[in-house]
Amino acid sequence: MLLFRWAILLLLLAAAVCFAFYAGTARPHYKRWGWVILKWTLLAAFGFFAVLIAERGF
């Protein structure tokens, strides 16, 4: 579980770095990579936490 939390944190950090590179260079591929990383990280995080909630029971 700790591994998944660290992976999510590092991927969010990677997306932030991509957006910072985009802000600094104005090259659109950094923005595109930032959105892709952010989208898949959030989907994985929601899935991970949904499994945790389902395991615990409502």
N, C-alpha and C. Protein backbone atom coordinates (compact mmCIF):
# COMPACT_ATOMS: atom_id res chain seq x y z
N MET A 1 0.83 -1.18 0.00
CA MET A 1 0.00 0.00 0.00
C MET A 1 0.88 1.25 0.00
N LEU A 2 1.95 1.21 0.77
CA LEU A 2 2.86 2.36 0.81
C LEU A 2 3.50 2.60 -0.55
N LEU A 3 3.77 1.52 -1.27
CA LEU A 3 4.36 1.64 -2.60
C LEU A 3 3.41 2.39 -3.55
N PHE A 4 2.12 2.08 -3.50
CA PHE A 4 1.16 2.75 -4.36
C PHE A 4 1.03 4.23 -4.00
N ARG A 5 1.07 4.54 -2.73
CA ARG A 5 0.98 5.94 -2.32
C ARG A 5 2.18 6.72 -2.82
N TRP A 6 3.38 6.13 -2.70
CA TRP A 6 4.58 6.81 -3.20
C TRP A 6 4.55 6.95 -4.72
N ALA A 7 4.06 5.93 -5.41
CA ALA A 7 3.97 6.00 -6.87
C ALA A 7 3.03 7.12 -7.30
N ILE A 8 1.90 7.23 -6.64
CA ILE A 8 0.95 8.29 -6.96
C ILE A 8 1.56 9.66 -6.69
N LEU A 9 2.23 9.79 -5.55
CA LEU A 9 2.88 11.06 -5.21
C LEU A 9 3.94 11.43 -6.23
N LEU A 10 4.77 10.47 -6.62
CA LEU A 10 5.83 10.76 -7.58
C LEU A 10 5.28 11.09 -8.96
N LEU A 11 4.20 10.43 -9.35
CA LEU A 11 3.59 10.75 -10.65
C LEU A 11 2.95 12.14 -10.64
N LEU A 12 2.34 12.53 -9.52
CA LEU A 12 1.80 13.89 -9.42
C LEU A 12 2.93 14.92 -9.48
N LEU A 13 4.05 14.60 -8.86
CA LEU A 13 5.21 15.47 -8.92
C LEU A 13 5.75 15.57 -10.35
N ALA A 14 5.76 14.45 -11.06
CA ALA A 14 6.21 14.46 -12.46
C ALA A 14 5.30 15.32 -13.33
N ALA A 15 4.00 15.26 -13.08
CA ALA A 15 3.07 16.11 -13.84
C ALA A 15 3.33 17.58 -13.53
N ALA A 16 3.58 17.89 -12.25
CA ALA A 16 3.87 19.29 -11.89
C ALA A 16 5.15 19.77 -12.55
N VAL A 17 6.15 18.91 -12.65
CA VAL A 17 7.40 19.28 -13.31
C VAL A 17 7.16 19.52 -14.80
N CYS A 18 6.33 18.70 -15.42
CA CYS A 18 6.00 18.91 -16.83
C CYS A 18 5.31 20.26 -17.03
N PHE A 19 4.38 20.60 -16.15
CA PHE A 19 3.71 21.89 -16.28
C PHE A 19 4.67 23.05 -16.02
N ALA A 20 5.62 22.87 -15.11
CA ALA A 20 6.63 23.90 -14.87
C ALA A 20 7.52 24.08 -16.09
N PHE A 21 7.90 22.97 -16.73
CA PHE A 21 8.69 23.06 -17.96
C PHE A 21 7.89 23.79 -19.05
N TYR A 22 6.60 23.49 -19.13
CA TYR A 22 5.76 24.17 -20.11
C TYR A 22 5.71 25.68 -19.83
N ALA A 23 5.58 26.03 -18.55
CA ALA A 23 5.53 27.45 -18.20
C ALA A 23 6.85 28.14 -18.52
N GLY A 24 7.95 27.41 -18.38
CA GLY A 24 9.25 28.01 -18.64
C GLY A 24 9.64 28.05 -20.10
N THR A 25 9.20 27.07 -20.88
CA THR A 25 9.65 26.98 -22.26
C THR A 25 8.55 27.25 -23.29
N ALA A 26 7.29 27.14 -22.89
CA ALA A 26 6.13 27.32 -23.77
C ALA A 26 6.11 26.28 -24.90
N ARG A 27 6.73 25.13 -24.68
CA ARG A 27 6.67 24.05 -25.67
C ARG A 27 5.48 23.17 -25.34
N PRO A 28 4.56 23.00 -26.29
CA PRO A 28 3.29 22.34 -26.00
C PRO A 28 3.39 20.86 -25.63
N HIS A 29 4.48 20.19 -26.00
CA HIS A 29 4.54 18.77 -25.68
C HIS A 29 4.69 18.55 -24.18
N TYR A 30 5.25 19.51 -23.44
CA TYR A 30 5.32 19.39 -21.99
C TYR A 30 3.93 19.46 -21.36
N LYS A 31 3.10 20.34 -21.89
CA LYS A 31 1.73 20.44 -21.38
C LYS A 31 0.95 19.17 -21.67
N ARG A 32 1.12 18.62 -22.87
CA ARG A 32 0.43 17.39 -23.24
C ARG A 32 0.87 16.24 -22.33
N TRP A 33 2.16 16.10 -22.08
CA TRP A 33 2.65 15.04 -21.19
C TRP A 33 2.15 15.25 -19.77
N GLY A 34 2.10 16.50 -19.33
CA GLY A 34 1.59 16.79 -17.99
C GLY A 34 0.15 16.36 -17.84
N TRP A 35 -0.68 16.65 -18.84
CA TRP A 35 -2.09 16.26 -18.77
C TRP A 35 -2.24 14.74 -18.81
N VAL A 36 -1.45 14.08 -19.64
CA VAL A 36 -1.54 12.62 -19.74
C VAL A 36 -1.15 11.98 -18.42
N ILE A 37 -0.04 12.42 -17.84
CA ILE A 37 0.40 11.86 -16.56
C ILE A 37 -0.64 12.14 -15.48
N LEU A 38 -1.16 13.36 -15.43
CA LEU A 38 -2.14 13.73 -14.42
C LEU A 38 -3.42 12.90 -14.57
N LYS A 39 -3.89 12.75 -15.79
CA LYS A 39 -5.13 12.00 -16.03
C LYS A 39 -5.00 10.55 -15.56
N TRP A 40 -3.95 9.87 -15.97
CA TRP A 40 -3.80 8.47 -15.61
C TRP A 40 -3.47 8.28 -14.13
N THR A 41 -2.77 9.24 -13.56
CA THR A 41 -2.48 9.16 -12.13
C THR A 41 -3.76 9.30 -11.31
N LEU A 42 -4.60 10.24 -11.67
CA LEU A 42 -5.85 10.42 -10.94
C LEU A 42 -6.78 9.22 -11.12
N LEU A 43 -6.84 8.67 -12.32
CA LEU A 43 -7.66 7.47 -12.53
C LEU A 43 -7.15 6.30 -11.69
N ALA A 44 -5.84 6.13 -11.65
CA ALA A 44 -5.26 5.05 -10.84
C ALA A 44 -5.50 5.30 -9.36
N ALA A 45 -5.38 6.54 -8.92
CA ALA A 45 -5.60 6.86 -7.51
C ALA A 45 -7.05 6.62 -7.11
N PHE A 46 -7.99 7.04 -7.95
CA PHE A 46 -9.40 6.80 -7.64
C PHE A 46 -9.70 5.30 -7.57
N GLY A 47 -9.12 4.55 -8.50
CA GLY A 47 -9.31 3.10 -8.48
C GLY A 47 -8.71 2.47 -7.23
N PHE A 48 -7.53 2.91 -6.85
CA PHE A 48 -6.86 2.38 -5.67
C PHE A 48 -7.67 2.66 -4.41
N PHE A 49 -8.13 3.89 -4.26
CA PHE A 49 -8.89 4.22 -3.07
C PHE A 49 -10.29 3.60 -3.09
N ALA A 50 -10.84 3.37 -4.27
CA ALA A 50 -12.13 2.67 -4.36
C ALA A 50 -11.98 1.23 -3.87
N VAL A 51 -10.88 0.59 -4.22
CA VAL A 51 -10.63 -0.76 -3.73
C VAL A 51 -10.47 -0.76 -2.22
N LEU A 52 -9.75 0.22 -1.70
CA LEU A 52 -9.60 0.31 -0.23
C LEU A 52 -10.94 0.48 0.46
N ILE A 53 -11.78 1.32 -0.08
CA ILE A 53 -13.10 1.55 0.52
C ILE A 53 -13.96 0.29 0.40
N ALA A 54 -13.88 -0.38 -0.75
CA ALA A 54 -14.67 -1.60 -0.93
C ALA A 54 -14.22 -2.72 0.02
N GLU A 55 -12.92 -2.80 0.28
CA GLU A 55 -12.40 -3.80 1.21
C GLU A 55 -12.90 -3.55 2.63
N ARG A 56 -12.97 -2.31 2.99
CA ARG A 56 -13.40 -1.94 4.32
C ARG A 56 -14.88 -2.16 4.55
N GLY A 57 -15.62 -2.08 3.50
CA GLY A 57 -17.08 -2.21 3.59
C GLY A 57 -17.72 -0.84 3.82
N PHE A 58 -18.92 -0.73 3.40
CA PHE A 58 -19.61 0.54 3.52
C PHE A 58 -20.19 0.61 4.89
